[in-house]
């Protein structure tokens, strides 16, 4: 789930916040903040995005009720934000004494806040299924060996194509290997012609492109001696980028300067056979508002796990959300309890019923036996995550990866030169706190 980091937090503010409101703060009775003494907080404030407000409000209420049952008289207040607005608001309140007690974060948003000390350290043993949290989500809440959040839910990327288009090209079934996939796409491309994209893959979609890097054994950056360094010009990463470039050249015949923000709309126009995207995009393309094929998409979309050139399934960027407790919260214990009530096994079951992936492999296994969710569940088992470096937020804001990919796809730079330039840009900021 792509999240955009809107603003950074000042180092001095965060240090002051940690000193004043660390997780070991005592109340007037000598107990931890948020305890059951006479000075215990009478309310907590939970910030969530509008996804929860619109799609599973009953699950939020269930967590509220569970917490209040343990702490009679406690009030749970909620504020809901659209993704583009949340971080600007959070940055502003973290400079005051009015921080929320729980805040939802996109998983790639966590790193700079953890690095700045904005979130309280949590004990993972106090949360259901923490021993089997999905790797991509576990990495997103871990910094310098400590845990600063709890995975909320996940979303994985899958391949989807039109079986009517595939069938017309003489392709039956879905591919299980990269060799089969490229052979099938070659047939589709030959049948449909050069104005059609056998695979519509926006060039600036770095989540997809980096999956090829990790599939080849490469990485965006690695840590060495306490410092992070860009590694896109390493042989394995170049191998992955080259495989991605070759696929773009053969099957992508759309605008080579676009990102993925309107991919589902473009797919709905009927000029592409396949996309590799979060599971919600293809069904959205089939919505009558976007389907320009005369309704052909609805009954012809088939999902499958994306194979990679390595011979294994392509590792996915595991998008999703986490829940964190700001260090300035005056009710950290209660906040952690609410998170446990919301993300425990029962809560995850409710989220699964809403079409989300759970935060752990134990419950994920159940989805693999359901035809409606089997592909997404299987795809989520192999994942990667962004470097958990203090300056990663700046790398994203500077669009270093997107610019590199566009330069490669348009022929402006060779893979090697573009990767070298990207590493240079990454090295300048990745170790610097935002």
Protein backbone atom coordinates (compact mmCIF):
# COMPACT_ATOMS: atom_id res chain seq x y z
CA UNK A 1 0.00 0.00 0.00
CA UNK A 2 1.77 3.11 -1.19
CA UNK A 3 2.04 5.93 1.33
CA UNK A 4 3.66 9.31 0.74
CA UNK A 5 5.71 10.87 3.52
CA UNK A 6 4.62 14.48 3.60
CA UNK A 7 6.90 16.14 6.13
CA UNK A 8 9.80 15.38 8.43
CA UNK A 9 10.16 15.82 12.17
CA UNK A 10 12.75 18.06 13.80
CA UNK A 11 15.46 16.25 15.73
CA UNK A 12 15.40 18.67 18.64
CA UNK A 13 11.64 18.36 19.01
CA UNK A 14 11.79 14.59 19.07
CA UNK A 15 14.64 14.47 21.59
CA UNK A 16 12.70 16.79 23.86
CA UNK A 17 9.61 14.64 23.42
CA UNK A 18 11.42 11.45 24.33
CA UNK A 19 12.97 13.03 27.41
CA UNK A 20 9.66 14.39 28.63
CA UNK A 21 7.35 11.51 27.74
CA UNK A 22 9.29 8.27 27.46
CA UNK A 23 7.57 4.92 27.78
CA UNK A 24 8.68 4.64 31.40
CA UNK A 25 6.95 7.83 32.57
CA UNK A 26 5.37 7.55 36.01
CA UNK A 27 2.00 8.83 37.09
CA UNK A 28 1.34 10.50 40.46
CA UNK A 29 0.89 7.08 42.10
CA UNK A 30 4.25 5.73 40.99
CA UNK A 31 2.70 3.59 38.24
CA UNK A 32 3.37 3.68 34.52
CA UNK A 33 1.44 6.25 32.55
CA UNK A 34 -1.89 4.83 31.55
CA UNK A 35 -2.12 2.56 34.58
CA UNK A 36 -5.06 2.04 36.91
CA UNK A 37 -4.17 4.56 39.62
CA UNK A 38 -6.26 7.62 40.47
CA UNK A 39 -4.23 9.68 38.02
CA UNK A 40 -4.74 7.25 35.16
CA UNK A 41 -5.96 8.90 31.94
CA UNK A 42 -9.72 9.13 31.52
CA UNK A 43 -9.55 8.89 27.73
CA UNK A 44 -7.31 7.96 24.83
CA UNK A 45 -7.27 9.31 21.29
CA UNK A 46 -6.86 7.00 18.32
CA UNK A 47 -6.00 8.29 14.86
CA UNK A 48 -6.94 6.06 11.95
CA UNK A 49 -7.34 6.66 8.25
CA UNK A 50 -10.71 6.86 6.56
CA UNK A 51 -10.27 3.25 5.38
CA UNK A 52 -11.31 2.07 8.85
CA UNK A 53 -14.04 4.67 9.18
CA UNK A 54 -15.73 3.67 5.94
CA UNK A 55 -14.98 -0.05 5.63
CA UNK A 56 -14.82 -1.64 9.10
CA UNK A 57 -16.18 0.72 11.78
CA UNK A 58 -17.63 -2.24 13.68
CA UNK A 59 -14.13 -3.65 14.20
CA UNK A 60 -12.98 -0.34 15.65
CA UNK A 61 -15.96 -0.32 18.01
CA UNK A 62 -15.22 -3.89 19.10
CA UNK A 63 -11.71 -2.87 20.13
CA UNK A 64 -13.10 0.15 21.98
CA UNK A 65 -15.60 -2.01 23.83
CA UNK A 66 -12.95 -4.55 24.80
CA UNK A 67 -10.69 -1.86 26.27
CA UNK A 68 -13.51 -0.12 28.15
CA UNK A 69 -14.62 -3.47 29.60
CA UNK A 70 -11.19 -3.73 31.25
CA UNK A 71 -11.13 -0.05 32.25
CA UNK A 72 -14.70 1.04 33.12
CA UNK A 73 -15.33 4.72 32.53
CA UNK A 74 -12.54 5.09 29.97
CA UNK A 75 -13.46 7.01 26.82
CA UNK A 76 -11.95 6.19 23.43
CA UNK A 77 -11.96 9.12 21.01
CA UNK A 78 -11.29 8.72 17.30
CA UNK A 79 -10.06 11.04 14.59
CA UNK A 80 -9.99 9.94 10.96
CA UNK A 81 -7.74 11.32 8.26
CA UNK A 82 -7.24 10.90 4.54
CA UNK A 83 -3.76 9.64 3.72
CA UNK A 84 -2.48 12.90 2.20
CA UNK A 85 -3.50 14.88 5.31
CA UNK A 86 -2.45 12.64 8.18
CA UNK A 87 1.30 13.16 8.34
CA UNK A 88 1.17 16.94 8.11
CA UNK A 89 -1.25 16.95 11.04
CA UNK A 90 0.86 14.44 12.97
CA UNK A 91 4.06 16.43 12.48
CA UNK A 92 2.31 19.51 13.81
CA UNK A 93 0.93 17.90 16.98
CA UNK A 94 4.16 16.07 17.79
CA UNK A 95 5.66 19.48 18.44
CA UNK A 96 3.02 20.07 21.14
CA UNK A 97 1.66 18.20 24.16
CA UNK A 98 -1.48 17.09 22.29
CA UNK A 99 -0.19 14.00 20.52
CA UNK A 100 -2.63 11.14 19.87
CA UNK A 101 -2.16 7.92 21.81
CA UNK A 102 -2.41 5.63 18.78
CA UNK A 103 -1.71 6.55 15.17
CA UNK A 104 -2.03 4.55 11.97
CA UNK A 105 0.98 4.75 9.66
CA UNK A 106 1.63 3.46 6.18
CA UNK A 107 4.41 0.93 6.57
CA UNK A 108 6.98 2.90 4.54
CA UNK A 109 6.22 5.97 6.65
CA UNK A 110 7.45 4.33 9.84
CA UNK A 111 11.21 4.51 9.30
CA UNK A 112 11.92 8.24 9.66
CA UNK A 113 9.60 8.53 12.67
CA UNK A 114 11.27 5.59 14.39
CA UNK A 115 14.69 7.03 13.63
CA UNK A 116 13.70 10.37 15.21
CA UNK A 117 12.36 8.74 18.38
CA UNK A 118 8.78 9.78 17.64
CA UNK A 119 7.29 6.42 18.64
CA UNK A 120 7.50 4.51 21.91
CA UNK A 121 9.21 1.15 22.05
CA UNK A 122 6.75 -1.75 22.38
CA UNK A 123 7.11 -5.30 23.69
CA UNK A 124 6.09 -7.59 20.80
CA UNK A 125 5.40 -10.49 23.18
CA UNK A 126 2.30 -8.62 24.38
CA UNK A 127 0.65 -8.82 20.94
CA UNK A 128 -1.07 -11.81 19.34
CA UNK A 129 0.84 -13.63 16.59
CA UNK A 130 3.93 -11.43 16.89
CA UNK A 131 6.07 -14.54 16.39
CA UNK A 132 4.58 -15.01 12.92
CA UNK A 133 4.17 -11.44 11.72
CA UNK A 134 4.67 -11.22 7.96
CA UNK A 135 8.31 -10.43 7.22
CA UNK A 136 7.58 -7.29 5.20
CA UNK A 137 5.44 -5.87 8.00
CA UNK A 138 7.73 -6.95 10.82
CA UNK A 139 10.61 -5.09 9.15
CA UNK A 140 8.47 -1.97 8.89
CA UNK A 141 8.02 -1.72 12.69
CA UNK A 142 11.61 -2.62 13.58
CA UNK A 143 14.44 -0.14 13.92
CA UNK A 144 17.89 -0.77 15.36
CA UNK A 145 16.70 -4.09 16.74
CA UNK A 146 13.71 -2.69 18.63
CA UNK A 147 9.96 -2.75 17.94
CA UNK A 148 8.08 0.54 17.59
CA UNK A 149 4.76 -0.51 16.14
CA UNK A 150 2.34 -3.35 15.47
CA UNK A 151 1.38 -4.51 11.97
CA UNK A 152 -2.29 -3.76 11.28
CA UNK A 153 -3.06 -5.37 7.92
CA UNK A 154 -1.36 -6.10 4.61
CA UNK A 155 -1.85 -5.98 0.85
CA UNK A 156 0.17 -7.83 -1.78
CA UNK A 157 0.67 -7.38 -5.50
CA UNK A 158 -0.58 -10.03 -7.90
CA UNK A 159 -0.73 -10.54 -11.64
CA UNK A 160 -4.10 -10.26 -13.40
CA UNK A 161 -4.87 -10.82 -17.05
CA UNK A 162 -7.85 -11.09 -19.32
CA UNK A 163 -8.64 -14.69 -20.17
CA UNK A 164 -10.57 -13.64 -23.28
CA UNK A 165 -7.51 -11.88 -24.69
CA UNK A 166 -5.23 -14.77 -23.71
CA UNK A 167 -7.58 -17.32 -25.24
CA UNK A 168 -7.78 -15.39 -28.52
CA UNK A 169 -3.99 -15.67 -28.71
CA UNK A 170 -4.11 -19.42 -28.13
CA UNK A 171 -3.15 -19.28 -24.45
CA UNK A 172 -5.02 -21.47 -21.99
CA UNK A 173 -4.48 -21.48 -18.24
CA UNK A 174 -2.15 -19.19 -16.33
CA UNK A 175 1.67 -19.30 -16.33
CA UNK A 176 3.58 -20.95 -13.51
CA UNK A 177 7.07 -19.84 -14.54
CA UNK A 178 8.80 -16.82 -16.08
CA UNK A 179 9.45 -18.84 -19.25
CA UNK A 180 5.76 -19.66 -19.57
CA UNK A 181 4.76 -16.08 -18.79
CA UNK A 182 6.99 -14.50 -21.41
CA UNK A 183 5.98 -17.09 -24.02
CA UNK A 184 2.30 -16.36 -23.34
CA UNK A 185 2.83 -12.60 -23.42
CA UNK A 186 4.73 -12.94 -26.70
CA UNK A 187 1.71 -14.68 -28.22
CA UNK A 188 -0.66 -12.04 -26.92
CA UNK A 189 1.56 -9.21 -28.12
CA UNK A 190 1.85 -10.72 -31.59
CA UNK A 191 -1.91 -11.23 -31.81
CA UNK A 192 -2.91 -7.76 -30.59
CA UNK A 193 -0.27 -5.63 -32.30
CA UNK A 194 2.14 -2.86 -31.34
CA UNK A 195 -0.48 -0.40 -30.06
CA UNK A 196 -1.55 -2.89 -27.39
CA UNK A 197 0.34 -3.64 -24.15
CA UNK A 198 0.49 -7.35 -23.44
CA UNK A 199 1.59 -6.17 -19.98
CA UNK A 200 0.80 -2.62 -18.94
CA UNK A 201 3.55 -1.83 -16.46
CA UNK A 202 4.03 1.88 -15.64
CA UNK A 203 7.71 2.72 -15.79
CA UNK A 204 7.82 4.74 -12.58
CA UNK A 205 6.20 1.99 -10.49
CA UNK A 206 9.28 1.30 -8.39
CA UNK A 207 7.51 -1.24 -6.19
CA UNK A 208 7.24 -3.59 -9.17
CA UNK A 209 10.70 -2.87 -10.55
CA UNK A 210 12.44 -3.43 -7.22
CA UNK A 211 10.75 -6.83 -6.97
CA UNK A 212 12.95 -7.84 -9.91
CA UNK A 213 16.00 -6.54 -8.07
CA UNK A 214 15.21 -8.60 -4.97
CA UNK A 215 14.25 -11.61 -7.10
CA UNK A 216 17.78 -11.56 -8.54
CA UNK A 217 19.33 -11.41 -5.07
CA UNK A 218 19.97 -7.69 -5.12
CA UNK A 219 18.80 -4.88 -2.87
CA UNK A 220 18.17 -1.14 -2.96
CA UNK A 221 20.71 -0.53 -0.20
CA UNK A 222 22.56 -2.51 2.44
CA UNK A 223 24.01 -1.71 5.83
CA UNK A 224 27.74 -2.07 6.38
CA UNK A 225 29.54 -1.02 9.52
CA UNK A 226 26.56 0.93 10.79
CA UNK A 227 26.18 2.91 7.55
CA UNK A 228 23.75 2.35 4.69
CA UNK A 229 24.98 2.35 1.11
CA UNK A 230 23.10 2.15 -2.18
CA UNK A 231 23.67 -1.19 -3.92
CA UNK A 232 21.72 -0.86 -7.17
CA UNK A 233 24.92 -1.04 -9.24
CA UNK A 234 25.85 -4.41 -7.71
CA UNK A 235 25.74 -7.23 -10.30
CA UNK A 236 22.65 -8.90 -8.85
CA UNK A 237 20.68 -5.66 -8.79
CA UNK A 238 21.74 -4.83 -12.35
CA UNK A 239 20.62 -8.30 -13.41
CA UNK A 240 17.17 -7.65 -11.92
CA UNK A 241 16.91 -4.19 -13.47
CA UNK A 242 17.89 -5.62 -16.84
CA UNK A 243 15.18 -8.28 -16.67
CA UNK A 244 12.67 -5.54 -15.80
CA UNK A 245 13.89 -3.34 -18.68
CA UNK A 246 13.60 -6.17 -21.18
CA UNK A 247 10.01 -6.86 -20.12
CA UNK A 248 9.15 -3.17 -20.42
CA UNK A 249 10.60 -3.01 -23.91
CA UNK A 250 8.73 -6.08 -25.13
CA UNK A 251 5.29 -5.63 -23.59
CA UNK A 252 4.75 -2.06 -22.37
CA UNK A 253 3.56 0.18 -25.20
CA UNK A 254 2.06 2.98 -23.16
CA UNK A 255 3.52 6.26 -21.92
CA UNK A 256 6.98 5.51 -20.51
CA UNK A 257 6.90 8.51 -18.17
CA UNK A 258 3.84 7.52 -16.14
CA UNK A 259 3.53 6.21 -12.61
CA UNK A 260 0.99 3.68 -11.37
CA UNK A 261 -1.53 6.08 -9.83
CA UNK A 262 -4.08 5.66 -12.64
CA UNK A 263 -3.13 2.13 -13.75
CA UNK A 264 -6.58 0.74 -13.00
CA UNK A 265 -8.17 3.48 -15.11
CA UNK A 266 -5.84 2.77 -18.03
CA UNK A 267 -6.48 -0.97 -17.69
CA UNK A 268 -10.19 -0.26 -17.89
CA UNK A 269 -9.69 1.23 -21.33
CA UNK A 270 -9.10 -2.24 -22.74
CA UNK A 271 -5.71 -1.70 -24.34
CA UNK A 272 -3.76 -4.10 -22.14
CA UNK A 273 -3.94 -7.79 -21.30
CA UNK A 274 -2.10 -7.93 -17.96
CA UNK A 275 -1.21 -5.80 -14.97
CA UNK A 276 0.89 -6.53 -11.89
CA UNK A 277 -0.69 -4.54 -9.09
CA UNK A 278 -2.37 -4.55 -5.67
CA UNK A 279 -5.37 -6.89 -5.72
CA UNK A 280 -7.95 -4.11 -5.69
CA UNK A 281 -6.87 -2.53 -8.98
CA UNK A 282 -8.24 -5.05 -11.49
CA UNK A 283 -11.71 -5.19 -9.88
CA UNK A 284 -11.71 -1.39 -9.84
CA UNK A 285 -10.93 -1.37 -13.57
CA UNK A 286 -13.98 -3.60 -14.07
CA UNK A 287 -16.23 -1.11 -12.31
CA UNK A 288 -18.72 0.31 -14.84
CA UNK A 289 -17.30 3.78 -14.13
CA UNK A 290 -13.94 2.74 -15.59
CA UNK A 291 -14.64 -0.24 -17.85
CA UNK A 292 -14.61 1.03 -21.42
CA UNK A 293 -14.65 -2.46 -22.96
CA UNK A 294 -18.41 -2.85 -22.96
CA UNK A 295 -18.37 -4.93 -19.77
CA UNK A 296 -15.80 -7.49 -20.95
CA UNK A 297 -13.56 -7.09 -17.90
CA UNK A 298 -16.00 -8.26 -15.25
CA UNK A 299 -16.09 -11.93 -16.23
CA UNK A 300 -12.65 -12.24 -17.81
CA UNK A 301 -10.19 -11.25 -15.09
CA UNK A 302 -7.99 -14.05 -13.78
CA UNK A 303 -5.45 -13.63 -10.98
CA UNK A 304 -2.21 -15.55 -10.56
CA UNK A 305 0.98 -15.38 -8.53
CA UNK A 306 3.60 -13.51 -10.50
CA UNK A 307 6.55 -15.73 -11.42
CA UNK A 308 10.03 -14.23 -11.40
CA UNK A 309 13.04 -14.70 -13.68
CA UNK A 310 14.84 -16.50 -10.84
CA UNK A 311 12.51 -19.49 -11.15
CA UNK A 312 10.70 -18.63 -7.94
CA UNK A 313 7.65 -16.45 -7.44
CA UNK A 314 8.44 -12.76 -7.72
CA UNK A 315 8.88 -11.36 -4.19
CA UNK A 316 6.31 -8.65 -3.54
CA UNK A 317 6.53 -5.32 -1.82
CA UNK A 318 4.16 -5.99 1.05
CA UNK A 319 2.18 -2.82 1.49
CA UNK A 320 0.06 -2.19 4.52
CA UNK A 321 -0.50 -0.22 7.68
CA UNK A 322 1.02 -0.25 11.16
CA UNK A 323 -0.16 1.16 14.48
CA UNK A 324 2.24 3.11 16.70
CA UNK A 325 2.21 4.89 20.05
CA UNK A 326 3.78 8.37 20.00
CA UNK A 327 6.37 8.96 22.72
CA UNK A 328 4.39 12.04 23.74
CA UNK A 329 1.29 9.96 24.52
CA UNK A 330 0.27 10.28 28.17
CA UNK A 331 -1.47 6.90 28.05
CA UNK A 332 1.04 4.56 26.45
CA UNK A 333 -0.05 1.42 28.32
CA UNK A 334 -3.70 1.95 27.44
CA UNK A 335 -2.73 2.72 23.85
CA UNK A 336 -0.83 -0.55 23.60
CA UNK A 337 -3.83 -2.41 25.05
CA UNK A 338 -6.13 -0.87 22.45
CA UNK A 339 -3.76 -1.92 19.68
CA UNK A 340 -3.74 -5.48 21.00
CA UNK A 341 -7.55 -5.54 21.17
CA UNK A 342 -7.73 -4.25 17.59
CA UNK A 343 -5.03 -6.43 16.02
CA UNK A 344 -5.40 -9.69 17.95
CA UNK A 345 -6.47 -12.93 16.28
CA UNK A 346 -10.14 -12.04 16.44
CA UNK A 347 -9.52 -8.57 15.05
CA UNK A 348 -7.43 -9.96 12.21
CA UNK A 349 -10.21 -12.40 11.39
CA UNK A 350 -12.57 -9.46 11.03
CA UNK A 351 -10.14 -7.65 8.74
CA UNK A 352 -9.77 -10.78 6.62
CA UNK A 353 -13.53 -10.79 6.22
CA UNK A 354 -13.21 -7.32 4.70
CA UNK A 355 -10.81 -8.55 2.03
CA UNK A 356 -7.52 -7.66 3.77
CA UNK A 357 -4.55 -9.89 4.41
CA UNK A 358 -3.79 -10.60 8.07
CA UNK A 359 -0.58 -9.44 9.69
CA UNK A 360 0.67 -12.99 10.33
CA UNK A 361 1.44 -16.22 8.49
CA UNK A 362 -0.66 -18.34 10.85
CA UNK A 363 -3.93 -16.79 9.72
CA UNK A 364 -2.65 -16.23 6.21
CA UNK A 365 -2.54 -20.01 5.74
CA UNK A 366 -6.32 -20.18 6.04
CA UNK A 367 -6.75 -17.78 3.12
CA UNK A 368 -4.70 -20.01 0.86
CA UNK A 369 -7.46 -22.62 0.85
CA UNK A 370 -10.09 -20.08 -0.24
CA UNK A 371 -10.19 -19.62 -4.04
CA UNK A 372 -11.21 -15.98 -3.60
CA UNK A 373 -8.04 -15.12 -1.67
CA UNK A 374 -5.59 -17.93 -2.45
CA UNK A 375 -3.53 -16.02 -5.01
CA UNK A 376 -3.05 -12.91 -2.88
CA UNK A 377 -2.28 -15.00 0.21
CA UNK A 378 0.33 -17.04 -1.63
CA UNK A 379 1.94 -13.93 -3.13
CA UNK A 380 2.31 -12.40 0.34
CA UNK A 381 4.47 -15.26 1.57
CA UNK A 382 7.52 -13.96 -0.29
CA UNK A 383 8.12 -10.27 0.31
CA UNK A 384 10.70 -7.51 0.64
CA UNK A 385 10.77 -4.15 2.36
CA UNK A 386 12.50 -0.82 1.95
CA UNK A 387 15.80 -0.15 3.76
CA UNK A 388 15.11 0.77 7.38
CA UNK A 389 17.56 3.66 7.20
CA UNK A 390 17.14 7.07 8.88
CA UNK A 391 17.13 8.92 5.56
CA UNK A 392 14.87 6.58 3.61
CA UNK A 393 12.05 9.12 3.67
CA UNK A 394 14.24 11.57 1.78
CA UNK A 395 15.07 8.93 -0.84
CA UNK A 396 11.35 8.49 -1.45
CA UNK A 397 10.63 12.21 -1.50
CA UNK A 398 13.40 12.81 -4.03
CA UNK A 399 11.91 10.11 -6.31
CA UNK A 400 15.36 8.69 -6.91
CA UNK A 401 14.12 5.24 -7.92
CA UNK A 402 11.35 6.55 -10.17
CA UNK A 403 13.76 8.80 -12.05
CA UNK A 404 16.26 5.97 -12.45
CA UNK A 405 13.61 3.66 -13.91
CA UNK A 406 12.32 6.26 -16.33
CA UNK A 407 15.84 6.96 -17.54
CA UNK A 408 16.37 3.24 -18.17
CA UNK A 409 13.05 2.60 -19.90
CA UNK A 410 13.30 5.62 -22.19
CA UNK A 411 16.89 4.83 -23.15
CA UNK A 412 18.25 8.04 -21.67
CA UNK A 413 20.74 6.01 -19.62
CA UNK A 414 22.05 2.46 -19.60
CA UNK A 415 21.06 0.23 -16.70
CA UNK A 416 24.58 0.46 -15.27
CA UNK A 417 24.80 4.25 -15.51
CA UNK A 418 21.31 4.84 -14.14
CA UNK A 419 21.99 2.47 -11.23
CA UNK A 420 25.32 4.15 -10.47
CA UNK A 421 23.71 7.60 -10.48
CA UNK A 422 20.90 6.37 -8.24
CA UNK A 423 23.37 4.90 -5.76
CA UNK A 424 25.20 8.21 -5.64
CA UNK A 425 21.97 10.09 -4.91
CA UNK A 426 20.95 7.53 -2.28
CA UNK A 427 24.32 7.66 -0.51
CA UNK A 428 24.02 11.42 -0.02
CA UNK A 429 20.86 11.21 2.08
CA UNK A 430 20.16 7.68 3.32
CA UNK A 431 22.16 8.02 6.55
CA UNK A 432 20.88 11.49 7.37
CA UNK A 433 17.88 11.72 9.66
CA UNK A 434 14.95 13.45 8.00
